N, C-alpha and C. Protein backbone atom coordinates (compact mmCIF):
# COMPACT_ATOMS: atom_id res chain seq x y z
N UNK A 1 0.35 109.08 56.38
CA UNK A 1 1.37 108.63 56.99
C UNK A 1 2.24 109.96 56.42
N UNK A 2 2.64 109.93 55.48
CA UNK A 2 3.12 110.96 54.48
C UNK A 2 2.50 112.64 54.76
N UNK A 3 1.42 112.58 54.54
CA UNK A 3 1.04 114.22 55.21
C UNK A 3 0.99 114.18 56.52
N UNK A 4 0.92 113.17 57.67
CA UNK A 4 1.71 113.79 58.84
C UNK A 4 2.76 113.84 58.66
N UNK A 5 4.13 113.57 58.45
CA UNK A 5 5.67 113.82 58.16
C UNK A 5 5.53 115.10 57.39
N UNK A 6 4.72 115.41 55.90
CA UNK A 6 4.65 116.42 55.81
C UNK A 6 4.44 117.79 56.47
N UNK A 7 3.36 117.76 57.47
CA UNK A 7 2.94 118.61 58.02
C UNK A 7 3.96 119.07 59.25
N UNK A 8 4.99 118.50 59.46
CA UNK A 8 5.65 118.70 60.70
C UNK A 8 6.85 119.47 60.06
N UNK A 9 7.56 119.98 61.00
CA UNK A 9 8.84 120.81 60.71
C UNK A 9 10.13 119.87 60.78
N UNK A 10 11.05 120.54 60.26
CA UNK A 10 12.76 119.27 60.05
C UNK A 10 12.55 118.71 61.80
N UNK A 11 12.40 120.10 62.93
CA UNK A 11 13.33 119.72 64.05
C UNK A 11 12.38 118.06 64.33
N UNK A 12 10.93 118.67 64.26
CA UNK A 12 9.35 117.81 64.56
C UNK A 12 9.61 116.00 63.88
N UNK A 13 10.42 116.46 62.91
CA UNK A 13 10.57 114.68 61.61
C UNK A 13 11.78 114.51 62.31
N UNK A 14 12.96 114.92 62.89
CA UNK A 14 13.48 114.51 64.00
C UNK A 14 13.26 113.47 64.80
N UNK A 15 12.53 114.06 65.91
CA UNK A 15 11.88 113.70 66.80
C UNK A 15 10.74 112.81 66.74
N UNK A 16 10.22 112.97 65.77
CA UNK A 16 9.31 111.84 65.68
C UNK A 16 10.03 110.16 64.93
N UNK A 17 11.02 110.53 64.05
CA UNK A 17 11.32 109.53 63.81
C UNK A 17 12.47 108.76 64.88
N UNK A 18 13.10 109.78 65.66
CA UNK A 18 13.60 109.40 67.54
C UNK A 18 12.90 108.69 67.86
N UNK A 19 11.69 109.18 68.22
CA UNK A 19 10.38 108.19 69.02
C UNK A 19 10.31 106.98 68.39
N UNK A 20 10.01 106.17 66.85
CA UNK A 20 9.44 105.65 66.49
C UNK A 20 10.77 104.36 66.46
N UNK A 21 12.05 105.00 67.03
CA UNK A 21 13.35 104.12 66.35
C UNK A 21 13.57 103.72 67.85
N UNK A 22 13.23 104.56 68.74
CA UNK A 22 13.42 104.06 70.44
C UNK A 22 12.30 102.68 70.57
N UNK A 23 10.81 103.33 69.78
CA UNK A 23 10.15 102.67 70.02
C UNK A 23 10.50 101.43 69.98
N UNK A 24 10.41 101.01 69.05
CA UNK A 24 11.22 99.68 67.55
C UNK A 24 11.53 99.15 68.70
N UNK A 25 13.19 99.98 69.56
CA UNK A 25 13.66 99.06 69.90
C UNK A 25 13.70 98.82 71.55
N UNK A 26 12.92 99.55 72.00
CA UNK A 26 12.13 99.03 72.90
C UNK A 26 11.29 98.08 73.02
N UNK A 27 10.46 97.94 71.94
CA UNK A 27 9.21 96.62 71.80
C UNK A 27 10.37 95.54 71.60
N UNK A 28 11.58 95.70 70.56
CA UNK A 28 12.59 94.50 70.30
C UNK A 28 13.15 94.35 71.78
N UNK A 29 13.52 95.07 72.61
CA UNK A 29 13.54 94.38 73.46
C UNK A 29 13.03 93.35 74.54
N UNK A 30 11.74 93.93 74.21
CA UNK A 30 10.48 93.39 75.48
C UNK A 30 10.38 91.87 75.03
N UNK A 31 10.17 91.99 73.13
CA UNK A 31 9.30 90.93 73.02
C UNK A 31 10.59 89.83 71.55
N UNK A 32 11.40 90.24 71.39
CA UNK A 32 12.04 89.96 70.58
C UNK A 32 13.19 89.10 71.30
N UNK A 33 13.99 89.80 71.58
CA UNK A 33 15.59 89.76 71.89
C UNK A 33 15.29 88.56 73.37
N UNK A 34 14.55 88.19 74.53
CA UNK A 34 14.54 87.00 75.35
C UNK A 34 14.12 85.44 74.19
N UNK A 35 13.46 85.86 73.19
CA UNK A 35 13.24 84.82 72.32
C UNK A 35 14.39 84.15 71.44
N UNK A 36 15.66 84.97 71.47
CA UNK A 36 16.90 84.37 70.48
C UNK A 36 17.43 83.29 70.86
N UNK A 37 17.25 82.53 72.01
CA UNK A 37 17.71 81.53 72.72
C UNK A 37 16.73 80.31 72.39
N UNK A 38 15.50 80.62 71.98
CA UNK A 38 14.80 79.72 71.41
C UNK A 38 14.75 79.14 70.42
N UNK A 39 15.75 79.27 69.39
CA UNK A 39 16.09 78.48 68.28
C UNK A 39 17.14 76.74 68.74
N UNK A 40 18.16 77.32 69.71
CA UNK A 40 18.72 76.74 70.16
C UNK A 40 18.64 75.54 70.95
N UNK A 41 17.04 75.91 71.69
CA UNK A 41 16.37 74.91 72.58
C UNK A 41 15.44 74.15 71.31
N UNK A 42 14.73 74.88 70.27
CA UNK A 42 14.24 73.96 69.65
C UNK A 42 15.09 72.88 68.96
N UNK A 43 16.18 73.05 68.36
CA UNK A 43 17.50 72.14 68.19
C UNK A 43 17.54 71.09 69.43
N UNK A 44 18.06 71.59 70.10
CA UNK A 44 18.03 70.66 71.09
C UNK A 44 16.40 69.37 71.44
N UNK A 45 15.98 70.25 71.58
CA UNK A 45 14.30 69.14 71.51
C UNK A 45 14.47 68.47 70.17
N UNK A 46 14.76 68.56 69.44
CA UNK A 46 14.38 67.97 68.22
C UNK A 46 15.28 67.28 68.07
N UNK A 47 16.54 67.17 68.13
CA UNK A 47 17.88 66.50 68.46
C UNK A 47 16.92 64.84 69.19
N UNK A 48 16.90 65.21 70.72
CA UNK A 48 16.39 64.53 71.51
C UNK A 48 14.79 63.18 70.94
N UNK A 49 14.06 64.07 70.60
CA UNK A 49 12.72 63.45 70.13
C UNK A 49 13.33 62.40 68.73
N UNK A 50 14.16 62.85 68.10
CA UNK A 50 14.82 62.16 66.86
C UNK A 50 16.10 60.80 67.82
N UNK A 51 16.32 61.31 68.79
CA UNK A 51 17.17 60.03 69.65
C UNK A 51 16.22 58.67 69.86
N UNK A 52 14.84 59.51 70.70
CA UNK A 52 14.52 58.68 71.40
C UNK A 52 13.41 57.98 70.39
N UNK A 53 13.18 58.88 68.78
CA UNK A 53 12.24 57.71 68.08
C UNK A 53 13.46 56.52 67.31
N UNK A 54 14.55 56.84 67.16
CA UNK A 54 15.62 56.27 66.86
C UNK A 54 15.77 54.91 68.02
N UNK A 55 15.73 55.03 69.15
CA UNK A 55 15.42 53.87 70.30
C UNK A 55 13.91 53.58 70.34
N UNK A 56 12.91 54.13 69.72
CA UNK A 56 11.94 53.03 70.29
C UNK A 56 11.85 52.29 68.83
N UNK A 57 12.07 52.84 67.67
CA UNK A 57 12.28 52.02 66.64
C UNK A 57 13.02 50.78 66.74
N UNK A 58 14.12 50.56 67.20
CA UNK A 58 15.17 49.76 67.31
C UNK A 58 14.44 48.32 68.38
N UNK A 59 13.83 49.41 69.51
CA UNK A 59 12.94 48.30 69.76
C UNK A 59 11.98 47.61 69.50
N UNK A 60 11.74 48.48 68.83
CA UNK A 60 10.27 47.53 68.33
C UNK A 60 10.52 46.70 66.82
N UNK A 61 12.05 46.98 66.51
CA UNK A 61 12.38 45.99 65.07
C UNK A 61 13.05 44.75 66.00
N UNK A 62 12.81 45.03 67.65
CA UNK A 62 13.82 43.61 68.33
C UNK A 62 12.44 42.98 68.64
N UNK A 63 11.49 43.40 68.72
CA UNK A 63 9.82 42.60 69.65
C UNK A 63 10.05 41.49 69.30
N UNK A 64 10.34 40.94 68.38
CA UNK A 64 10.05 39.76 68.00
C UNK A 64 11.54 38.66 69.09
N UNK A 65 12.19 39.29 69.04
CA UNK A 65 13.09 38.85 70.24
C UNK A 65 12.93 38.55 71.61
N UNK A 66 12.25 39.67 71.95
CA UNK A 66 11.55 39.74 73.38
C UNK A 66 10.57 38.84 73.25
N UNK A 67 9.58 38.33 72.43
CA UNK A 67 8.30 37.85 72.62
C UNK A 67 8.95 36.49 72.39
N UNK A 68 10.14 36.15 71.85
CA UNK A 68 10.90 34.99 72.46
C UNK A 68 11.25 34.45 73.44
N UNK A 69 11.57 35.35 74.31
CA UNK A 69 12.58 35.43 75.05
C UNK A 69 11.18 34.97 76.75
N UNK A 70 10.03 35.68 76.43
CA UNK A 70 8.94 35.82 77.51
C UNK A 70 8.26 34.73 77.12
N UNK A 71 8.26 33.86 75.74
CA UNK A 71 7.41 32.52 75.66
C UNK A 71 9.04 31.55 76.69
N UNK A 72 10.16 31.57 76.31
CA UNK A 72 10.69 31.17 77.06
C UNK A 72 11.53 31.16 78.44
N UNK A 73 10.82 32.32 78.77
CA UNK A 73 10.60 32.31 80.25
C UNK A 73 9.53 31.98 81.20
N UNK A 74 8.47 31.90 80.14
CA UNK A 74 7.11 31.39 80.36
C UNK A 74 6.79 29.96 80.84
N UNK A 75 8.08 29.14 80.10
CA UNK A 75 7.66 27.95 79.96
C UNK A 75 8.93 26.97 81.35
N UNK A 76 10.32 28.39 81.98
CA UNK A 76 11.01 27.84 82.44
C UNK A 76 10.31 27.39 84.18
N UNK A 77 9.42 28.70 84.45
CA UNK A 77 8.85 28.18 85.55
C UNK A 77 7.83 27.05 85.73
N UNK A 78 7.77 25.84 87.21
CA UNK A 78 6.96 25.34 87.36
C UNK A 78 5.39 26.11 87.09
N UNK A 79 4.35 25.37 86.24
CA UNK A 79 3.35 25.92 86.72
C UNK A 79 2.54 25.33 87.45
N UNK A 80 1.79 26.19 88.11
CA UNK A 80 1.18 26.01 89.43
C UNK A 80 -0.40 26.38 89.50
N UNK A 81 -1.50 25.54 89.48
CA UNK A 81 -2.94 26.16 88.85
C UNK A 81 -3.33 26.95 90.21
N UNK A 82 -3.94 28.13 89.79
CA UNK A 82 -3.90 29.23 90.89
C UNK A 82 -4.78 28.56 91.99
N UNK A 83 -5.18 27.86 91.78
CA UNK A 83 -6.12 27.45 93.44
C UNK A 83 -4.93 26.59 93.94
N UNK A 84 -4.40 25.94 93.56
CA UNK A 84 -3.48 25.32 94.27
C UNK A 84 -1.60 26.16 94.86
N UNK A 85 -2.36 27.39 94.52
CA UNK A 85 -0.52 28.04 94.20
C UNK A 85 -0.43 27.77 96.08
N UNK A 86 -1.41 28.87 96.96
CA UNK A 86 -0.75 28.72 98.92
C UNK A 86 -1.01 27.55 99.00
N UNK A 87 -1.78 26.00 98.74
CA UNK A 87 -0.78 25.33 99.21
C UNK A 87 -0.02 24.29 99.13
N UNK A 88 0.85 25.20 97.24
CA UNK A 88 1.93 24.24 97.12
C UNK A 88 3.01 25.02 97.91
N UNK A 89 3.03 26.69 97.94
CA UNK A 89 3.83 27.27 99.02
C UNK A 89 4.08 27.16 100.42
N UNK A 90 3.07 26.52 100.85
CA UNK A 90 3.17 26.26 102.17
C UNK A 90 4.00 24.77 102.62
N UNK A 91 3.77 23.77 101.75
CA UNK A 91 3.98 22.49 101.71
C UNK A 91 5.15 22.92 101.28
N UNK A 92 5.84 23.49 100.03
CA UNK A 92 7.10 23.81 99.77
C UNK A 92 7.79 23.94 101.05
N UNK A 93 7.39 24.87 101.57
CA UNK A 93 7.67 25.37 102.72
C UNK A 93 8.27 24.17 103.88
N UNK A 94 7.04 23.37 104.16
CA UNK A 94 7.06 22.85 105.33
C UNK A 94 8.22 21.21 104.68
N UNK A 95 7.95 21.17 103.32
CA UNK A 95 9.23 19.98 102.91
C UNK A 95 10.37 20.23 103.37
N UNK A 96 10.98 21.51 102.58
CA UNK A 96 12.19 22.01 102.86
C UNK A 96 12.47 22.06 104.15
N UNK A 97 11.57 22.42 104.83
CA UNK A 97 12.16 22.88 106.49
C UNK A 97 12.30 20.99 107.46
N UNK A 98 11.46 20.24 106.60
CA UNK A 98 11.71 18.62 107.00
C UNK A 98 13.24 18.31 106.53
N UNK A 99 13.48 18.52 105.60
CA UNK A 99 14.51 18.22 104.97
C UNK A 99 15.93 18.78 105.43
N UNK A 100 16.06 19.85 105.93
CA UNK A 100 16.67 21.17 106.35
C UNK A 100 17.11 20.42 107.60
N UNK A 101 16.03 20.02 109.01
CA UNK A 101 15.77 20.29 109.77
C UNK A 101 15.71 21.61 110.73
N UNK A 102 14.97 21.93 110.42
CA UNK A 102 14.27 23.21 110.71
C UNK A 102 13.30 23.12 111.36
N UNK A 103 13.31 23.47 112.89
CA UNK A 103 11.57 23.23 113.20
C UNK A 103 10.51 24.39 113.35
N UNK A 104 9.46 24.62 112.52
CA UNK A 104 8.70 25.60 112.28
C UNK A 104 7.71 25.57 113.70
N UNK A 105 7.98 26.86 114.57
CA UNK A 105 7.28 26.97 115.38
C UNK A 105 5.69 27.54 115.42
N UNK A 106 5.41 28.39 114.54
CA UNK A 106 4.32 29.07 114.12
C UNK A 106 4.29 29.71 112.35
N UNK A 107 3.15 29.69 112.10
CA UNK A 107 2.88 30.07 110.98
C UNK A 107 2.14 31.39 110.87
N UNK A 108 2.08 32.68 109.55
CA UNK A 108 0.57 33.45 110.39
C UNK A 108 0.08 33.09 108.52
N UNK A 109 -1.44 34.32 108.98
CA UNK A 109 -2.07 33.52 107.19
C UNK A 109 -1.41 34.42 106.30
N UNK A 110 -0.97 33.72 105.57
CA UNK A 110 -0.53 34.27 103.91
C UNK A 110 -1.22 35.42 103.42
N UNK A 111 -0.71 36.74 102.93
CA UNK A 111 -1.34 37.41 102.08
C UNK A 111 -0.83 37.28 100.68
N UNK A 112 -2.15 37.56 99.82
CA UNK A 112 -1.68 37.31 98.19
C UNK A 112 -1.87 38.80 97.37
N UNK A 113 -0.96 39.11 96.81
CA UNK A 113 -1.33 40.37 95.75
C UNK A 113 -0.88 40.29 94.87
N UNK A 114 -1.45 41.14 93.92
CA UNK A 114 -1.92 40.33 92.07
C UNK A 114 -0.77 41.65 92.04
N UNK A 115 0.00 41.53 90.67
CA UNK A 115 -0.18 42.36 89.67
C UNK A 115 -0.20 42.21 88.29
N UNK A 116 0.20 42.66 87.05
CA UNK A 116 -0.06 42.07 85.56
C UNK A 116 0.53 40.97 85.71
N UNK A 117 1.52 40.72 86.00
CA UNK A 117 2.11 39.50 85.41
C UNK A 117 1.87 38.10 86.59
N UNK A 118 2.22 38.42 88.05
CA UNK A 118 2.65 37.40 89.14
C UNK A 118 1.35 37.82 89.96
N UNK A 119 1.36 36.43 90.72
CA UNK A 119 0.56 36.38 92.15
C UNK A 119 1.54 36.33 92.94
N UNK A 120 1.49 37.21 93.70
CA UNK A 120 2.46 37.08 94.97
C UNK A 120 2.39 36.65 96.40
N UNK A 121 2.35 35.66 96.79
CA UNK A 121 1.97 35.27 97.81
C UNK A 121 3.67 35.13 99.27
N UNK A 122 2.55 36.22 100.59
CA UNK A 122 3.61 36.32 101.73
C UNK A 122 2.95 34.99 102.61
N UNK A 123 4.76 35.15 103.26
CA UNK A 123 4.09 34.10 104.45
C UNK A 123 5.29 33.98 105.38
N UNK A 124 4.37 34.73 106.50
CA UNK A 124 5.75 34.78 107.74
C UNK A 124 5.40 33.45 108.95
N UNK A 125 6.65 32.92 109.25
CA UNK A 125 6.89 31.91 110.24
C UNK A 125 8.00 32.00 110.98
N UNK A 126 7.95 31.35 111.58
CA UNK A 126 9.14 31.38 113.08
C UNK A 126 9.59 30.33 112.88
N UNK A 127 11.04 30.19 113.26
CA UNK A 127 11.69 28.87 112.83
C UNK A 127 12.36 29.03 114.35
N UNK A 128 13.24 27.63 114.51
CA UNK A 128 14.03 27.27 115.80
C UNK A 128 14.79 26.43 114.86
N UNK A 129 16.45 27.01 114.51
CA UNK A 129 17.21 25.98 114.12
C UNK A 129 18.85 26.32 114.43
N UNK A 130 19.93 25.98 113.99
CA UNK A 130 20.97 26.03 114.36
C UNK A 130 21.46 26.68 113.20
N UNK A 131 22.76 27.05 113.54
CA UNK A 131 22.91 28.38 112.04
C UNK A 131 22.97 27.52 110.86
N UNK A 132 23.61 26.52 110.78
CA UNK A 132 23.74 25.73 110.08
C UNK A 132 22.57 25.10 109.12
N UNK A 133 21.13 24.71 109.60
CA UNK A 133 20.31 23.98 108.85
C UNK A 133 19.85 25.37 108.94
N UNK A 134 19.72 26.44 108.84
CA UNK A 134 18.60 27.42 109.21
C UNK A 134 19.95 28.21 107.55
N UNK A 135 20.44 28.45 107.07
CA UNK A 135 21.79 28.55 106.19
C UNK A 135 20.94 27.27 105.27
N UNK A 136 21.19 26.64 105.54
CA UNK A 136 20.97 25.01 104.47
C UNK A 136 19.11 25.57 103.79
N UNK A 137 18.78 25.94 104.80
CA UNK A 137 17.19 25.98 104.58
C UNK A 137 16.64 27.04 103.70
N UNK A 138 17.19 28.28 104.16
CA UNK A 138 17.25 29.47 103.21
C UNK A 138 17.64 29.43 102.01
N UNK A 139 19.03 29.14 101.74
CA UNK A 139 19.44 28.63 100.37
C UNK A 139 18.99 27.87 99.48
N UNK A 140 18.09 26.44 100.06
CA UNK A 140 17.77 25.71 99.21
C UNK A 140 16.28 25.84 99.06
N UNK A 141 15.67 27.11 99.68
CA UNK A 141 14.43 27.88 99.19
C UNK A 141 15.11 28.23 98.14
N UNK A 142 15.90 28.85 98.03
CA UNK A 142 15.99 30.35 97.50
C UNK A 142 16.58 29.53 95.61
N UNK A 143 17.61 28.49 95.49
CA UNK A 143 17.58 27.68 94.61
C UNK A 143 16.59 26.70 93.78
N UNK A 144 15.75 26.48 94.45
CA UNK A 144 14.72 25.64 93.81
C UNK A 144 14.06 26.47 92.96
N UNK A 145 13.23 25.51 92.27
CA UNK A 145 12.30 26.01 90.92
C UNK A 145 11.25 26.74 91.47
N UNK A 146 10.93 27.25 93.02
CA UNK A 146 9.91 27.19 93.42
C UNK A 146 9.48 28.54 93.39
N UNK A 147 10.45 29.49 93.09
CA UNK A 147 10.70 31.08 93.19
C UNK A 147 10.51 31.65 94.49
N UNK A 148 10.99 31.19 95.37
CA UNK A 148 10.45 31.65 97.20
C UNK A 148 11.45 32.66 97.03
N UNK A 149 11.61 33.65 97.97
CA UNK A 149 12.32 34.14 98.02
C UNK A 149 12.67 34.65 99.72
N UNK A 150 13.44 34.90 100.39
CA UNK A 150 13.34 35.72 102.00
C UNK A 150 13.28 37.11 101.52
N UNK A 151 11.97 37.88 102.34
CA UNK A 151 11.87 39.27 102.37
C UNK A 151 12.36 40.01 103.24
N UNK A 152 12.20 39.09 104.34
CA UNK A 152 12.74 39.80 106.01
C UNK A 152 13.14 39.04 106.75
N UNK A 153 13.92 39.13 107.51
CA UNK A 153 14.80 38.17 108.44
C UNK A 153 15.39 38.93 109.51
N UNK A 154 14.43 38.10 110.61
CA UNK A 154 15.12 38.49 111.90
C UNK A 154 15.52 37.22 113.04
N UNK A 155 16.69 37.86 113.56
CA UNK A 155 17.15 36.60 114.21
C UNK A 155 17.96 36.90 115.43
N UNK A 156 17.11 35.81 116.37
CA UNK A 156 17.99 36.31 117.42
C UNK A 156 18.13 34.88 118.67
N UNK A 157 18.93 35.33 119.49
CA UNK A 157 19.45 33.32 119.93
C UNK A 157 18.57 33.05 120.93
N UNK A 158 18.52 31.86 120.99
CA UNK A 158 17.26 31.37 122.30
C UNK A 158 17.63 31.17 123.18
N UNK A 159 17.06 31.29 124.29
CA UNK A 159 17.23 31.46 125.90
C UNK A 159 18.56 30.74 126.60
N UNK A 160 18.81 29.58 125.70
CA UNK A 160 20.03 28.45 126.10
C UNK A 160 21.20 28.99 125.45
N UNK A 161 21.08 29.64 124.36
CA UNK A 161 21.70 29.73 122.96
C UNK A 161 22.75 28.84 122.69
N UNK A 162 21.72 27.98 122.02
CA UNK A 162 22.30 26.55 121.60
C UNK A 162 21.29 26.54 119.83
N UNK A 163 20.60 27.39 119.98
CA UNK A 163 19.99 27.67 118.26
C UNK A 163 19.25 28.96 118.27
N UNK A 164 18.77 29.50 117.53
CA UNK A 164 18.58 30.72 116.84
C UNK A 164 17.10 30.38 116.19
N UNK A 165 16.19 31.52 116.70
CA UNK A 165 14.89 31.74 116.60
C UNK A 165 14.72 32.74 115.36
N UNK A 166 13.85 32.70 114.33
CA UNK A 166 13.88 33.47 113.46
C UNK A 166 12.46 33.49 112.79
N UNK A 167 12.39 34.93 112.84
CA UNK A 167 11.05 35.39 112.13
C UNK A 167 11.84 35.42 110.32
N UNK A 168 11.14 35.46 109.62
CA UNK A 168 10.88 34.99 108.16
C UNK A 168 9.62 35.29 107.29
N UNK A 169 9.92 36.34 106.70
CA UNK A 169 8.87 36.89 105.78
C UNK A 169 8.78 36.25 104.77
N UNK A 170 8.24 35.15 103.88
CA UNK A 170 8.67 34.48 102.86
C UNK A 170 8.16 35.07 101.56
N UNK A 171 8.28 35.62 100.14
CA UNK A 171 7.63 35.77 99.16
C UNK A 171 7.65 34.69 98.04
N UNK A 172 6.31 33.57 97.68
CA UNK A 172 6.77 33.42 96.49
C UNK A 172 6.21 33.94 95.32
N UNK A 173 6.26 34.10 94.06
CA UNK A 173 5.42 34.58 92.96
C UNK A 173 4.78 33.13 91.95
N UNK A 174 4.15 32.99 91.43
CA UNK A 174 3.83 32.63 90.65
C UNK A 174 2.92 33.48 89.46
N UNK A 175 2.95 32.89 88.38
CA UNK A 175 2.21 33.51 87.42
C UNK A 175 1.29 33.18 87.16
N UNK A 176 0.81 34.69 86.89
CA UNK A 176 -0.63 34.79 86.56
C UNK A 176 -1.16 34.13 85.77
N UNK A 177 -3.00 33.77 85.55
CA UNK A 177 -3.67 32.96 84.86
C UNK A 177 -3.73 33.56 83.79
N UNK A 178 -3.72 33.61 82.15
CA UNK A 178 -3.96 35.20 81.40
C UNK A 178 -5.63 34.77 81.49
N UNK A 179 -5.60 35.57 80.43
CA UNK A 179 -7.89 35.96 80.22
C UNK A 179 -7.56 34.55 78.82
N UNK A 180 -6.71 34.63 77.88
CA UNK A 180 -6.93 33.26 77.35
C UNK A 180 -6.54 32.04 77.41
N UNK A 181 -5.93 31.60 78.59
CA UNK A 181 -5.61 30.73 78.84
C UNK A 181 -7.06 29.61 79.18
N UNK A 182 -8.11 30.04 79.95
CA UNK A 182 -9.33 29.34 79.64
C UNK A 182 -10.02 29.22 78.34
N UNK A 183 -9.69 29.77 77.62
CA UNK A 183 -10.08 29.59 75.98
C UNK A 183 -9.56 28.76 76.01
N UNK A 184 -8.21 28.50 75.62
CA UNK A 184 -7.51 27.35 75.06
C UNK A 184 -7.78 26.14 75.83
N UNK A 185 -8.09 25.75 76.80
CA UNK A 185 -8.22 24.86 77.49
C UNK A 185 -9.44 25.04 77.74
N UNK A 186 -10.75 24.21 77.34
CA UNK A 186 -12.19 24.70 77.52
C UNK A 186 -12.19 23.70 79.08
N UNK A 187 -11.45 22.62 79.40
CA UNK A 187 -11.76 21.63 80.39
C UNK A 187 -11.27 22.20 81.67
N UNK A 188 -10.37 23.34 81.30
CA UNK A 188 -10.18 24.10 82.62
C UNK A 188 -11.56 24.72 83.54
N UNK A 189 -12.49 24.96 82.82
CA UNK A 189 -13.51 25.76 83.53
C UNK A 189 -14.22 24.37 84.01
N UNK A 190 -14.65 22.91 83.59
CA UNK A 190 -15.28 22.33 83.94
C UNK A 190 -15.16 21.64 85.43
N UNK A 191 -13.77 21.55 85.90
CA UNK A 191 -12.82 20.96 86.93
C UNK A 191 -12.87 21.80 88.22
């Protein structure tokens, strides 16, 4: 490079240096200047990662408390054998309707859905009752330990306008049997 500059005249040297400086500035403008904000973004990402790590560590530290709560909640609900869940659901609805004075006109086929923890049974029923009986029926279903709740409710007066016709979609949640439950109770398989 020295030989190249040594061969140039002073004006050519100035021009070559000016071109190199301009090239240096253009390359910096294209490749370096757009990344000036990267440092602050990196700091923000690092702060966010540290915040998440702290949150995860505190949650992991409380896992013993969560396990105790899960065991407590598992013990609160009434356990119903998986093969008896559909029958229990329908019996609960019928017994509560009898106690409340609500007449069940028709029922539909039950629909079963499952997730990791629960089995959900859905039952559509059509009932005839006055307003007090219907409210009593729905309230007692919801306050019972059976985990039954109303998902959908359609009300219409009957033709004589003395009772209400209601289409009710009820959902019951039952605890799903864990895979290890049969191992703990070997007599469950033989039944």
